N, C-alpha and C. Protein backbone atom coordinates (compact mmCIF):
# COMPACT_ATOMS: atom_id res chain seq x y z
N MET A 1 1.37 -1.01 -0.10
CA MET A 1 -0.04 0.34 0.18
C MET A 1 0.67 1.47 0.24
N LYS A 2 0.41 2.23 -0.98
CA LYS A 2 1.73 3.03 -1.15
C LYS A 2 0.62 4.48 0.00
N LYS A 3 1.98 5.27 0.65
CA LYS A 3 1.65 6.32 1.62
C LYS A 3 2.73 7.61 1.29
N ASP A 4 1.96 8.59 1.82
CA ASP A 4 3.05 9.53 2.26
C ASP A 4 4.07 10.05 2.76
N MET A 5 5.49 9.97 2.74
CA MET A 5 6.11 9.85 4.17
C MET A 5 6.75 11.54 4.22
N GLU A 6 6.86 12.06 5.15
CA GLU A 6 7.08 13.47 5.37
C GLU A 6 8.72 13.19 5.68
N ILE A 7 9.51 14.20 5.61
CA ILE A 7 11.24 14.25 5.54
C ILE A 7 11.57 15.78 6.44
N GLU A 8 12.73 15.83 6.59
CA GLU A 8 13.24 17.03 7.03
C GLU A 8 12.92 17.68 6.53
N LEU A 9 13.11 17.80 5.28
CA LEU A 9 13.22 18.93 4.23
C LEU A 9 11.86 19.84 3.85
N GLY A 10 11.12 19.14 4.88
CA GLY A 10 9.73 19.65 4.48
C GLY A 10 8.82 18.96 3.26
N GLY A 11 9.52 18.45 2.47
CA GLY A 11 8.76 18.08 1.10
C GLY A 11 7.76 16.79 1.82
N LYS A 12 7.56 16.04 0.21
CA LYS A 12 7.06 14.24 0.69
C LYS A 12 7.41 13.56 -0.52
N LEU A 13 7.67 12.21 0.06
CA LEU A 13 7.90 11.57 -0.72
C LEU A 13 6.92 10.15 -1.12
N GLU A 14 7.46 9.63 -2.07
CA GLU A 14 6.46 8.53 -2.45
C GLU A 14 6.65 7.67 -2.19
N TRP A 15 5.90 6.54 -0.97
CA TRP A 15 6.36 5.05 -0.46
C TRP A 15 5.93 4.13 -1.62
N VAL A 16 6.62 3.58 -2.15
CA VAL A 16 6.74 2.83 -3.80
C VAL A 16 7.25 1.60 -2.94
N ASP A 17 6.76 0.16 -3.66
CA ASP A 17 7.26 -0.88 -3.45
C ASP A 17 8.79 -1.31 -3.62
N LYS A 18 9.16 -0.81 -5.06
CA LYS A 18 10.02 -0.75 -5.76
C LYS A 18 10.41 0.54 -6.58
N PHE A 19 11.54 0.23 -6.94
CA PHE A 19 12.30 1.61 -7.66
C PHE A 19 12.92 1.41 -8.70
N CYS A 20 13.55 1.86 -9.78
CA CYS A 20 14.23 1.40 -10.36
C CYS A 20 16.05 2.36 -10.32
N TYR A 21 17.35 1.57 -9.77
CA TYR A 21 17.89 3.35 -9.50
C TYR A 21 19.43 3.09 -9.97
N LEU A 22 19.70 3.58 -11.70
CA LEU A 22 20.65 2.94 -12.64
C LEU A 22 20.04 1.56 -13.39
N GLY A 23 19.14 1.57 -13.59
CA GLY A 23 19.52 0.58 -14.79
C GLY A 23 18.83 -0.55 -13.60
N ASP A 24 19.41 -0.81 -12.40
CA ASP A 24 18.57 -1.64 -11.38
C ASP A 24 16.88 -1.81 -10.75
N MET A 25 16.59 -2.80 -10.60
CA MET A 25 15.67 -2.49 -9.69
C MET A 25 15.46 -2.88 -8.27
N ILE A 26 15.49 -2.30 -7.64
CA ILE A 26 15.20 -2.85 -5.69
C ILE A 26 13.73 -2.20 -5.39
N GLY A 27 13.77 -3.46 -4.87
CA GLY A 27 12.59 -4.17 -3.65
C GLY A 27 12.30 -3.90 -2.32
N SER A 28 11.38 -2.80 -2.05
CA SER A 28 10.94 -2.53 -0.67
C SER A 28 11.59 -4.05 0.68
N GLY A 29 11.70 -5.00 0.29
CA GLY A 29 11.65 -6.33 0.63
C GLY A 29 13.44 -6.52 0.77
N GLY A 30 14.14 -6.32 -0.49
CA GLY A 30 15.29 -6.27 -0.55
C GLY A 30 15.78 -8.04 -1.15
N GLY A 31 16.55 -8.15 -1.22
CA GLY A 31 16.64 -9.37 -2.13
C GLY A 31 16.89 -8.88 -3.55
N ALA A 32 17.14 -10.19 -4.65
CA ALA A 32 17.27 -9.59 -6.09
C ALA A 32 16.07 -10.42 -6.36
N GLU A 33 15.09 -10.29 -5.84
CA GLU A 33 13.93 -10.97 -6.84
C GLU A 33 13.30 -10.29 -7.77
N GLU A 34 13.42 -8.77 -7.17
CA GLU A 34 12.29 -7.41 -8.53
C GLU A 34 13.47 -7.43 -8.97
N ALA A 35 14.99 -7.45 -9.18
CA ALA A 35 16.12 -6.51 -9.52
C ALA A 35 15.80 -7.89 -11.20
N SER A 36 16.32 -9.50 -10.25
CA SER A 36 15.96 -10.59 -11.92
C SER A 36 14.86 -10.66 -12.91
N ARG A 37 13.84 -10.19 -12.04
CA ARG A 37 12.56 -10.38 -12.65
C ARG A 37 12.33 -8.92 -13.99
N ALA A 38 12.88 -8.03 -13.34
CA ALA A 38 13.31 -6.86 -14.40
C ALA A 38 14.34 -6.89 -15.33
N ARG A 39 15.39 -7.43 -15.54
CA ARG A 39 16.29 -8.25 -16.27
C ARG A 39 16.06 -9.57 -17.05
N VAL A 40 15.49 -10.15 -16.16
CA VAL A 40 14.92 -10.89 -17.28
C VAL A 40 13.72 -10.40 -18.75
N ARG A 41 13.03 -9.33 -17.66
CA ARG A 41 12.25 -8.94 -19.08
C ARG A 41 13.25 -8.21 -20.02
N CYS A 42 13.68 -7.42 -19.47
CA CYS A 42 14.94 -6.71 -20.72
C CYS A 42 15.12 -7.83 -21.71
N ALA A 43 16.22 -8.96 -20.95
CA ALA A 43 17.18 -9.64 -21.43
C ALA A 43 16.22 -10.08 -22.58
N TRP A 44 14.52 -9.95 -23.02
CA TRP A 44 14.18 -10.97 -23.38
C TRP A 44 13.44 -9.97 -24.89
N GLY A 45 13.30 -8.70 -23.91
CA GLY A 45 13.57 -7.79 -25.05
C GLY A 45 14.57 -7.21 -26.03
N LYS A 46 15.96 -7.59 -25.53
CA LYS A 46 16.46 -7.72 -26.31
C LYS A 46 16.72 -8.83 -27.32
N PHE A 47 16.40 -9.70 -26.87
CA PHE A 47 16.30 -11.05 -27.64
C PHE A 47 15.48 -11.07 -29.13
N ARG A 48 14.23 -10.37 -28.44
CA ARG A 48 12.85 -10.43 -29.36
C ARG A 48 13.54 -9.11 -30.62
N GLU A 49 13.97 -8.87 -30.44
CA GLU A 49 15.07 -7.13 -31.16
C GLU A 49 15.94 -7.67 -32.25
N LEU A 50 16.82 -8.99 -31.42
CA LEU A 50 17.69 -9.55 -32.40
C LEU A 50 17.31 -10.76 -32.83
N SER A 51 16.09 -11.39 -32.82
CA SER A 51 15.51 -12.85 -33.51
C SER A 51 15.73 -13.17 -34.34
N PRO A 52 15.83 -12.02 -35.63
CA PRO A 52 16.11 -12.17 -36.98
C PRO A 52 17.28 -12.46 -37.32
N ILE A 53 18.70 -12.41 -36.47
CA ILE A 53 19.91 -13.45 -36.26
C ILE A 53 19.43 -14.76 -35.25
N LEU A 54 19.54 -14.26 -34.65
CA LEU A 54 19.48 -15.73 -32.87
C LEU A 54 18.91 -16.65 -33.27
N THR A 55 17.26 -16.75 -34.35
CA THR A 55 17.00 -17.84 -34.62
C THR A 55 17.30 -18.18 -36.38
N SER A 56 17.82 -17.47 -36.66
CA SER A 56 18.05 -17.50 -38.11
C SER A 56 18.44 -19.42 -38.04
N ARG A 57 18.23 -19.74 -38.97
CA ARG A 57 18.51 -21.54 -39.35
C ARG A 57 19.61 -20.84 -40.34
N GLY A 58 19.63 -20.05 -40.59
CA GLY A 58 21.52 -20.45 -41.77
C GLY A 58 22.80 -19.01 -40.91
N ALA A 59 22.03 -18.51 -39.81
CA ALA A 59 23.82 -17.93 -39.14
C ALA A 59 24.28 -19.01 -38.13
N SER A 60 25.60 -18.88 -37.98
CA SER A 60 26.40 -20.07 -37.70
C SER A 60 26.48 -19.44 -36.53
N LEU A 61 26.47 -20.76 -35.12
CA LEU A 61 26.03 -20.95 -34.24
C LEU A 61 27.45 -20.03 -32.78
N LYS A 62 28.22 -19.96 -33.46
CA LYS A 62 29.50 -19.23 -32.77
C LYS A 62 28.84 -17.67 -33.09
N VAL A 63 28.11 -17.12 -34.39
CA VAL A 63 28.31 -15.91 -34.17
C VAL A 63 26.85 -15.47 -33.39
N LYS A 64 26.37 -16.57 -33.18
CA LYS A 64 25.17 -16.01 -32.77
C LYS A 64 25.36 -16.86 -30.87
N GLY A 65 25.88 -17.50 -31.02
CA GLY A 65 26.50 -17.12 -29.22
C GLY A 65 27.06 -15.85 -29.06
N LYS A 66 27.94 -15.19 -29.82
CA LYS A 66 28.56 -14.16 -29.55
C LYS A 66 27.71 -12.86 -29.92
N LEU A 67 27.00 -12.76 -30.58
CA LEU A 67 26.23 -12.05 -30.20
C LEU A 67 24.85 -11.93 -28.79
N TYR A 68 24.36 -12.96 -28.51
CA TYR A 68 23.83 -13.42 -27.44
C TYR A 68 25.30 -13.00 -25.64
N ARG A 69 26.03 -13.22 -25.79
CA ARG A 69 26.80 -12.90 -24.73
C ARG A 69 26.79 -11.55 -25.00
N THR A 70 27.33 -10.58 -26.03
CA THR A 70 27.62 -9.47 -25.73
C THR A 70 25.72 -8.58 -25.98
N CYS A 71 25.00 -8.91 -26.09
CA CYS A 71 23.90 -7.75 -26.58
C CYS A 71 22.77 -8.07 -25.23
N VAL A 72 22.28 -10.22 -25.04
CA VAL A 72 21.27 -10.47 -24.73
C VAL A 72 21.92 -10.50 -22.97
N GLN A 73 22.86 -11.76 -22.86
CA GLN A 73 23.21 -11.99 -21.62
C GLN A 73 23.78 -11.43 -20.36
N SER A 74 24.69 -9.98 -21.19
CA SER A 74 24.82 -9.09 -20.69
C SER A 74 23.55 -7.84 -20.24
N VAL A 75 22.21 -7.64 -20.98
CA VAL A 75 21.16 -6.75 -20.02
C VAL A 75 20.78 -8.03 -19.39
N MET A 76 21.22 -9.32 -18.98
CA MET A 76 20.21 -10.30 -18.06
C MET A 76 20.64 -10.18 -16.70
N THR A 77 22.55 -10.26 -16.99
CA THR A 77 23.47 -9.75 -15.55
C THR A 77 24.09 -8.84 -15.34
N TYR A 78 23.14 -7.21 -15.80
CA TYR A 78 23.86 -5.94 -15.13
C TYR A 78 23.57 -5.92 -14.05
N GLY A 79 24.41 -5.68 -13.03
CA GLY A 79 24.26 -5.04 -11.88
C GLY A 79 24.54 -6.46 -10.83
N SER A 80 24.32 -7.86 -12.04
CA SER A 80 24.21 -8.28 -10.33
C SER A 80 25.15 -8.80 -9.33
N GLU A 81 26.19 -7.70 -10.20
CA GLU A 81 27.39 -7.99 -9.02
C GLU A 81 26.87 -7.57 -7.55
N THR A 82 25.97 -7.17 -7.05
CA THR A 82 25.61 -6.70 -5.91
C THR A 82 24.25 -7.29 -5.74
N TRP A 83 23.73 -7.84 -6.34
CA TRP A 83 22.55 -8.83 -5.63
C TRP A 83 22.62 -10.04 -4.54
N ALA A 84 22.02 -10.02 -3.91
CA ALA A 84 21.74 -11.66 -2.84
C ALA A 84 21.20 -12.42 -3.29
N VAL A 85 21.04 -13.42 -4.87
CA VAL A 85 20.71 -13.98 -4.76
C VAL A 85 20.16 -14.98 -4.12
N LYS A 86 18.73 -15.53 -4.34
CA LYS A 86 18.30 -16.85 -3.71
C LYS A 86 18.38 -18.17 -4.79
N MET A 87 17.73 -19.24 -4.76
CA MET A 87 18.02 -19.95 -5.33
C MET A 87 16.75 -20.19 -6.34
N GLU A 88 16.24 -19.35 -6.29
CA GLU A 88 14.60 -18.96 -7.04
C GLU A 88 14.88 -17.73 -8.23
N ASP A 89 15.45 -16.92 -7.66
CA ASP A 89 16.00 -16.28 -8.13
C ASP A 89 17.07 -16.32 -9.61
N MET A 90 18.25 -17.10 -8.80
CA MET A 90 19.22 -18.17 -10.23
C MET A 90 18.82 -18.34 -10.19
N GLN A 91 17.82 -19.69 -10.18
CA GLN A 91 16.86 -20.63 -11.37
C GLN A 91 15.95 -19.74 -12.32
N ARG A 92 15.28 -18.38 -12.21
CA ARG A 92 14.95 -17.54 -12.96
C ARG A 92 15.56 -17.28 -14.18
N LEU A 93 16.80 -17.32 -14.33
CA LEU A 93 17.92 -16.27 -14.75
C LEU A 93 18.39 -17.28 -15.55
N GLU A 94 18.28 -18.99 -15.22
CA GLU A 94 18.69 -19.67 -15.59
C GLU A 94 17.55 -20.75 -17.01
N ARG A 95 16.59 -20.28 -16.12
CA ARG A 95 15.67 -20.74 -17.15
C ARG A 95 14.90 -19.69 -18.70
N THR A 96 15.56 -19.18 -18.14
CA THR A 96 15.03 -17.66 -19.36
C THR A 96 16.65 -18.50 -20.45
N GLU A 97 17.71 -18.57 -19.64
CA GLU A 97 18.44 -18.49 -20.55
C GLU A 97 18.71 -19.94 -21.46
N LYS A 98 18.14 -20.75 -20.60
CA LYS A 98 17.80 -22.39 -21.25
C LYS A 98 16.62 -21.98 -22.68
N MET A 99 16.13 -21.51 -22.37
CA MET A 99 14.53 -21.69 -23.54
C MET A 99 15.49 -20.21 -24.85
N MET A 100 16.48 -19.37 -24.11
CA MET A 100 16.77 -18.75 -25.95
C MET A 100 17.69 -19.87 -26.38
N ILE A 101 18.45 -19.99 -25.89
CA ILE A 101 19.60 -21.30 -25.90
C ILE A 101 19.22 -22.04 -27.17
N ARG A 102 17.73 -22.89 -26.69
CA ARG A 102 17.19 -23.95 -27.95
C ARG A 102 17.13 -23.09 -28.35
N TRP A 103 16.12 -21.96 -28.52
CA TRP A 103 15.13 -21.26 -29.74
C TRP A 103 16.71 -21.07 -30.68
N MET A 104 17.36 -20.68 -30.39
CA MET A 104 18.68 -19.98 -31.12
C MET A 104 19.38 -21.20 -31.36
N CYS A 105 19.57 -22.59 -30.89
CA CYS A 105 20.05 -23.62 -31.03
C CYS A 105 19.05 -24.43 -32.21
N GLY A 106 17.57 -24.29 -32.07
CA GLY A 106 16.88 -24.23 -33.08
C GLY A 106 16.22 -25.87 -32.68
N VAL A 107 16.16 -26.56 -31.43
CA VAL A 107 15.80 -27.47 -30.69
C VAL A 107 14.83 -27.54 -30.32
N THR A 108 14.22 -28.61 -29.39
CA THR A 108 12.87 -28.40 -28.60
C THR A 108 13.17 -29.28 -27.52
N LEU A 109 12.45 -29.49 -26.78
CA LEU A 109 12.28 -30.27 -25.72
C LEU A 109 12.22 -31.79 -25.79
N ARG A 110 11.29 -32.29 -26.73
CA ARG A 110 11.55 -33.56 -27.16
C ARG A 110 13.10 -34.02 -27.60
N ASP A 111 13.95 -33.11 -28.25
CA ASP A 111 15.59 -33.35 -28.72
C ASP A 111 15.98 -33.49 -27.43
N ILE A 112 16.68 -34.84 -27.98
CA ILE A 112 17.46 -35.43 -26.66
C ILE A 112 18.88 -34.69 -26.34
N LYS A 113 18.60 -32.97 -25.99
CA LYS A 113 20.36 -32.58 -26.05
C LYS A 113 20.06 -32.00 -24.68
N SER A 114 21.52 -31.77 -23.81
CA SER A 114 21.25 -30.74 -22.74
C SER A 114 21.85 -29.96 -22.97
N SER A 115 21.71 -28.61 -22.72
CA SER A 115 21.78 -27.62 -22.57
C SER A 115 23.39 -27.02 -22.08
N GLU A 116 24.23 -28.20 -21.95
CA GLU A 116 25.00 -28.17 -21.27
C GLU A 116 25.87 -28.51 -22.38
N GLU A 117 25.02 -29.20 -23.19
CA GLU A 117 25.84 -29.50 -24.98
C GLU A 117 25.46 -28.29 -25.82
N LEU A 118 24.51 -27.45 -25.33
CA LEU A 118 23.70 -26.49 -26.66
C LEU A 118 24.38 -25.56 -26.23
N ARG A 119 25.32 -25.31 -25.08
CA ARG A 119 26.31 -23.91 -24.42
C ARG A 119 27.54 -24.09 -24.93
N GLN A 120 27.86 -25.39 -24.97
CA GLN A 120 29.79 -25.04 -25.88
C GLN A 120 29.20 -25.03 -27.43
N GLN A 121 28.23 -25.50 -28.23
CA GLN A 121 28.33 -24.86 -29.56
C GLN A 121 28.18 -23.84 -29.57
N LEU A 122 27.19 -23.34 -28.47
CA LEU A 122 26.93 -21.61 -28.91
C LEU A 122 28.36 -20.85 -28.34
N SER A 123 29.15 -21.53 -27.57
CA SER A 123 30.49 -20.98 -26.78
C SER A 123 29.61 -19.88 -25.69
N VAL A 124 28.88 -20.27 -24.57
CA VAL A 124 28.34 -19.60 -24.36
C VAL A 124 28.88 -20.03 -22.96
N VAL A 125 29.06 -19.17 -21.76
CA VAL A 125 29.37 -19.81 -20.65
C VAL A 125 27.88 -19.49 -19.62
N SER A 126 27.95 -19.95 -18.93
CA SER A 126 26.16 -20.56 -18.26
C SER A 126 25.86 -19.27 -17.76
N VAL A 127 24.94 -18.54 -17.28
CA VAL A 127 24.80 -17.30 -16.77
C VAL A 127 25.13 -16.95 -14.91
N SER A 128 24.61 -18.53 -14.51
CA SER A 128 25.15 -18.27 -13.06
C SER A 128 26.32 -18.14 -12.63
N ASP A 129 27.20 -19.10 -14.02
CA ASP A 129 28.54 -18.75 -13.42
C ASP A 129 29.19 -17.30 -13.99
N VAL A 130 28.24 -16.34 -14.86
CA VAL A 130 28.90 -15.15 -14.93
C VAL A 130 28.27 -14.42 -13.98
N VAL A 131 27.41 -15.04 -13.52
CA VAL A 131 26.90 -13.75 -12.36
C VAL A 131 27.72 -14.46 -11.02
N ARG A 132 28.32 -15.26 -10.86
CA ARG A 132 29.51 -15.59 -9.92
C ARG A 132 30.58 -14.94 -10.24
N GLN A 133 31.06 -15.06 -11.47
CA GLN A 133 32.39 -14.63 -11.62
C GLN A 133 32.20 -12.53 -11.93
N GLY A 134 31.06 -12.33 -12.24
CA GLY A 134 30.93 -10.57 -11.22
C GLY A 134 30.87 -10.02 -10.33
N ARG A 135 30.43 -10.39 -9.41
CA ARG A 135 30.14 -10.73 -8.12
C ARG A 135 32.06 -10.95 -7.57
N LEU A 136 32.42 -12.05 -7.32
CA LEU A 136 33.90 -12.00 -7.46
C LEU A 136 34.75 -11.16 -7.75
N ARG A 137 34.50 -10.45 -8.66
CA ARG A 137 35.17 -9.51 -9.53
C ARG A 137 35.10 -7.95 -9.06
N TRP A 138 33.51 -8.42 -8.32
CA TRP A 138 33.21 -6.99 -8.48
C TRP A 138 33.93 -6.60 -6.75
N PHE A 139 33.69 -7.65 -5.72
CA PHE A 139 33.15 -8.44 -3.94
C PHE A 139 35.66 -7.41 -4.14
N GLY A 140 36.71 -8.17 -5.36
CA GLY A 140 37.89 -7.87 -5.20
C GLY A 140 38.64 -6.64 -5.32
N HIS A 141 37.58 -5.91 -5.55
CA HIS A 141 38.07 -4.95 -6.36
C HIS A 141 38.07 -4.05 -4.57
N VAL A 142 36.29 -4.32 -4.02
CA VAL A 142 35.77 -3.04 -3.09
C VAL A 142 37.35 -3.80 -1.58
N GLU A 143 37.31 -5.33 -1.78
CA GLU A 143 38.29 -5.72 -0.85
C GLU A 143 39.73 -4.87 -0.90
N ARG A 144 40.39 -4.44 -2.00
CA ARG A 144 41.80 -4.20 -2.42
C ARG A 144 41.68 -2.59 -2.15
N LYS A 145 40.60 -2.28 -1.29
CA LYS A 145 40.53 -0.31 -1.17
C LYS A 145 40.85 -0.52 0.09
N ASP A 146 41.18 0.79 0.29
CA ASP A 146 41.63 1.61 2.07
C ASP A 146 40.47 1.23 2.93
N ALA A 147 41.02 1.16 3.31
CA ALA A 147 40.55 0.20 4.92
C ALA A 147 39.04 1.67 4.99
N ASP A 148 39.72 3.05 4.98
CA ASP A 148 39.01 4.62 5.46
C ASP A 148 38.09 4.41 3.54
N ASP A 149 38.26 3.84 2.81
CA ASP A 149 36.97 4.01 1.69
C ASP A 149 35.60 3.85 2.26
N TRP A 150 34.73 4.96 1.52
CA TRP A 150 33.48 4.64 2.24
C TRP A 150 32.90 3.67 1.38
N VAL A 151 33.07 3.37 0.09
CA VAL A 151 32.74 2.44 -0.57
C VAL A 151 33.03 0.44 0.35
N SER A 152 34.49 0.74 1.27
CA SER A 152 34.61 -0.48 1.66
C SER A 152 34.84 -0.41 2.81
N ALA A 153 34.07 0.46 3.74
CA ALA A 153 32.55 0.61 5.05
C ALA A 153 31.48 0.11 4.75
N CYS A 154 31.09 0.31 3.37
CA CYS A 154 29.77 -0.16 3.36
C CYS A 154 29.55 -1.51 3.63
N ARG A 155 31.21 -2.10 3.57
CA ARG A 155 30.77 -3.73 3.32
C ARG A 155 30.12 -4.36 4.83
N ASN A 156 30.90 -3.39 5.80
CA ASN A 156 30.47 -3.88 7.42
C ASN A 156 29.77 -3.23 8.47
N MET A 157 28.50 -2.45 7.39
CA MET A 157 27.61 -2.68 7.88
C MET A 157 26.84 -2.73 8.51
N VAL A 158 26.07 -2.82 9.81
CA VAL A 158 25.03 -4.06 10.02
C VAL A 158 24.31 -3.07 10.74
N VAL A 159 23.12 -3.56 10.34
CA VAL A 159 21.16 -2.78 10.43
C VAL A 159 21.35 -3.33 11.52
N SER A 160 20.64 -1.96 12.84
CA SER A 160 19.91 -2.08 13.56
C SER A 160 18.17 -2.11 13.59
N GLY A 161 18.27 -3.39 14.71
CA GLY A 161 16.51 -3.40 14.69
C GLY A 161 16.23 -4.58 15.21
N GLU A 162 14.86 -4.95 15.70
CA GLU A 162 14.47 -6.13 15.45
C GLU A 162 14.49 -7.73 14.71
N ARG A 163 15.11 -8.17 14.77
CA ARG A 163 14.96 -9.66 13.67
C ARG A 163 13.80 -10.83 13.93
N GLY A 164 13.59 -10.78 12.98
CA GLY A 164 11.76 -11.70 12.96
C GLY A 164 12.56 -12.99 13.04
N ARG A 165 11.21 -14.02 13.55
CA ARG A 165 11.39 -15.46 13.30
C ARG A 165 12.41 -15.96 12.05
N GLY A 166 12.51 -17.21 12.23
CA GLY A 166 13.14 -17.94 11.11
C GLY A 166 14.45 -17.44 10.97
N ARG A 167 14.70 -17.77 9.91
CA ARG A 167 16.46 -17.57 9.49
C ARG A 167 16.10 -16.40 8.46
N GLY A 168 17.07 -15.65 8.37
CA GLY A 168 17.18 -14.47 7.99
C GLY A 168 17.49 -14.60 6.29
N ARG A 169 17.31 -12.92 5.73
CA ARG A 169 17.56 -12.94 4.47
C ARG A 169 19.34 -13.36 3.89
N LYS A 170 19.35 -14.16 2.70
CA LYS A 170 20.68 -14.46 2.47
C LYS A 170 21.44 -13.22 2.18
N THR A 171 22.96 -12.25 2.56
CA THR A 171 22.91 -10.75 2.56
C THR A 171 23.79 -11.24 1.50
N TRP A 172 24.52 -10.30 0.64
CA TRP A 172 25.42 -10.34 -0.33
C TRP A 172 26.81 -10.89 -0.50
N ARG A 173 27.04 -11.02 1.54
CA ARG A 173 28.21 -11.37 2.12
C ARG A 173 28.09 -12.61 1.54
N GLU A 174 27.18 -13.48 2.47
CA GLU A 174 26.47 -14.95 2.06
C GLU A 174 26.27 -15.26 1.13
N CYS A 175 26.72 -14.67 -0.31
CA CYS A 175 26.11 -15.05 -1.65
C CYS A 175 28.29 -15.35 -1.98
N VAL A 176 28.88 -14.16 -1.63
CA VAL A 176 30.27 -14.02 -1.81
C VAL A 176 30.51 -15.14 -1.74
N ALA A 177 30.19 -15.69 0.26
CA ALA A 177 31.02 -16.26 1.03
C ALA A 177 30.89 -17.98 -0.32
N ASP A 178 29.83 -18.14 -0.34
CA ASP A 178 30.05 -19.47 -0.80
C ASP A 178 29.95 -19.49 -2.17
N ASP A 179 30.47 -17.93 -3.25
CA ASP A 179 31.38 -18.59 -4.13
C ASP A 179 32.49 -18.44 -4.21
N MET A 180 33.07 -17.85 -3.15
CA MET A 180 34.29 -18.36 -2.68
C MET A 180 34.32 -19.64 -2.64
N ARG A 181 34.16 -20.58 -1.56
CA ARG A 181 34.13 -21.85 -1.40
C ARG A 181 33.68 -22.82 -2.77
N ARG A 182 33.16 -22.29 -3.46
CA ARG A 182 32.70 -23.50 -4.66
C ARG A 182 34.63 -23.28 -5.24
N MET A 183 34.76 -21.67 -5.24
CA MET A 183 35.92 -21.58 -6.78
C MET A 183 37.15 -21.55 -5.80
N HIS A 184 36.76 -22.16 -4.59
CA HIS A 184 38.46 -22.35 -3.78
C HIS A 184 39.59 -21.22 -3.29
N LEU A 185 38.28 -20.02 -3.22
CA LEU A 185 39.09 -19.01 -3.34
C LEU A 185 39.16 -18.20 -1.41
N LYS A 186 40.41 -17.73 -1.12
CA LYS A 186 39.85 -16.94 0.19
C LYS A 186 39.77 -15.72 0.01
N THR A 187 39.76 -14.84 1.60
CA THR A 187 39.40 -13.49 1.38
C THR A 187 40.65 -12.32 1.01
N GLU A 188 42.07 -12.97 1.42
CA GLU A 188 43.07 -12.75 1.68
C GLU A 188 43.30 -13.15 -0.30
N ASP A 189 43.23 -13.74 -1.06
CA ASP A 189 43.50 -14.07 -2.24
C ASP A 189 43.49 -12.47 -3.43
N ALA A 190 42.04 -12.38 -2.47
CA ALA A 190 41.27 -11.20 -3.21
C ALA A 190 42.36 -9.50 -3.52
N GLN A 191 43.64 -9.86 -2.64
CA GLN A 191 45.31 -8.79 -2.52
C GLN A 191 45.84 -8.81 -3.60
N ASP A 192 45.42 -10.22 -3.90
CA ASP A 192 46.63 -10.89 -5.73
C ASP A 192 45.67 -10.72 -6.39
N ARG A 193 45.50 -9.49 -7.78
CA ARG A 193 45.02 -9.44 -9.04
C ARG A 193 45.59 -10.89 -9.87
N VAL A 194 46.04 -11.13 -9.96
CA VAL A 194 46.19 -12.66 -10.62
C VAL A 194 45.36 -13.70 -10.17
N ILE A 195 46.09 -14.62 -8.83
CA ILE A 195 45.75 -14.91 -8.59
C ILE A 195 43.66 -14.71 -8.70
N TRP A 196 43.28 -13.77 -8.12
CA TRP A 196 42.14 -13.81 -7.83
C TRP A 196 41.54 -13.89 -8.98
N ARG A 197 42.07 -13.19 -10.41
CA ARG A 197 41.29 -13.18 -11.61
C ARG A 197 41.33 -14.56 -11.95
N ASP A 198 42.18 -15.22 -11.96
CA ASP A 198 42.77 -16.79 -12.25
C ASP A 198 41.73 -18.20 -11.87
N GLY A 199 41.59 -17.27 -10.02
CA GLY A 199 40.68 -18.65 -9.54
C GLY A 199 39.38 -18.43 -9.84
N ILE A 200 38.69 -16.84 -10.42
CA ILE A 200 37.74 -16.52 -10.42
C ILE A 200 36.67 -17.23 -11.67
N LEU A 201 37.96 -17.28 -12.71
CA LEU A 201 37.55 -18.42 -13.78
C LEU A 201 37.57 -19.89 -13.77
N GLY A 202 38.22 -20.19 -13.13
CA GLY A 202 38.30 -21.48 -12.55
C GLY A 202 39.78 -22.05 -12.32
N ASN A 203 40.51 -21.30 -12.67
CA ASN A 203 41.71 -22.10 -12.45
C ASN A 203 42.35 -21.92 -11.08
N ARG A 204 43.54 -22.78 -10.79
CA ARG A 204 43.56 -22.32 -9.62
C ARG A 204 45.52 -22.98 -9.36
N PRO A 205 46.17 -21.56 -9.84
CA PRO A 205 47.11 -21.47 -10.19
C PRO A 205 48.00 -21.08 -8.44
N THR A 206 49.19 -21.59 -8.23
CA THR A 206 49.89 -21.76 -6.96
C THR A 206 50.48 -19.94 -6.90
N ARG A 207 51.00 -19.34 -5.88
CA ARG A 207 50.99 -17.73 -5.10
C ARG A 207 52.66 -18.00 -6.51
N ALA A 208 52.95 -19.14 -5.99
CA ALA A 208 54.77 -19.30 -7.06
C ALA A 208 54.46 -18.56 -8.28
N SER A 209 53.67 -18.96 -8.85
CA SER A 209 53.62 -18.76 -10.56
C SER A 209 52.90 -18.06 -10.45
N ALA A 210 52.32 -17.04 -10.19
CA ALA A 210 51.48 -15.97 -10.42
C ALA A 210 52.34 -15.19 -9.99
N GLU A 211 53.89 -15.54 -9.52
CA GLU A 211 54.57 -14.21 -8.63
C GLU A 211 55.32 -14.00 -10.14
N THR A 212 56.17 -15.41 -10.95
CA THR A 212 56.32 -15.77 -11.54
C THR A 212 55.80 -15.18 -13.33
N ARG A 213 54.53 -15.43 -13.01
CA ARG A 213 53.51 -14.24 -14.69
C ARG A 213 53.29 -13.33 -14.41
N THR A 214 53.81 -12.51 -13.65
CA THR A 214 54.08 -11.12 -12.98
C THR A 214 55.21 -10.30 -13.30
N LEU A 215 55.92 -10.87 -13.05
CA LEU A 215 57.44 -10.80 -13.16
C LEU A 215 57.97 -10.84 -14.89
N LYS A 216 57.68 -11.94 -15.27
CA LYS A 216 57.79 -11.46 -17.08
C LYS A 216 56.95 -10.58 -17.58
N ARG A 217 56.10 -10.00 -17.31
CA ARG A 217 55.48 -8.75 -17.79
C ARG A 217 56.38 -7.53 -17.14
């Protein structure tokens, strides 16, 4: 329910359930549900705009994959670096991508082909991996900032107030912790750009090999 809210400046602000900020949708309940829904709508809009090429049977799958990564997947994952995603949010993105990939490859559910096989034909990284890599990339960038930097300070903010019953909402920091466990990374690894970048991409270089590579440059 919408209502007016008085502020100290003497004006009025409208109370809304969600609002768009820099292209990212922010909901009053927190989380990434509103953002992921908005990104899916925008991605479908871009996909339909490019459908003469993406769904053409005469176009190369490699060309389709490159166009999809550049123009559609990037729209779908815009702003996802700061999302505190839940399982259903990620499943929403994955379902959308699977539908698009099958459409691009000209196959249906009756065709016995897995989504992973189709992604390989298109040379496309899964949207879940793209979101994970972007979140870790942003975390590493913030982690290397000075301790007195205001962006760095925001990471450790604690919201006061009473906590409701049951498990609390999954935070962005918890998502990052899950990502680091999956990619076998530690917080201190973020200080080394080479190790952090390779770890995000799924490589697991030793610190010695990273130092050797840095010296060669």
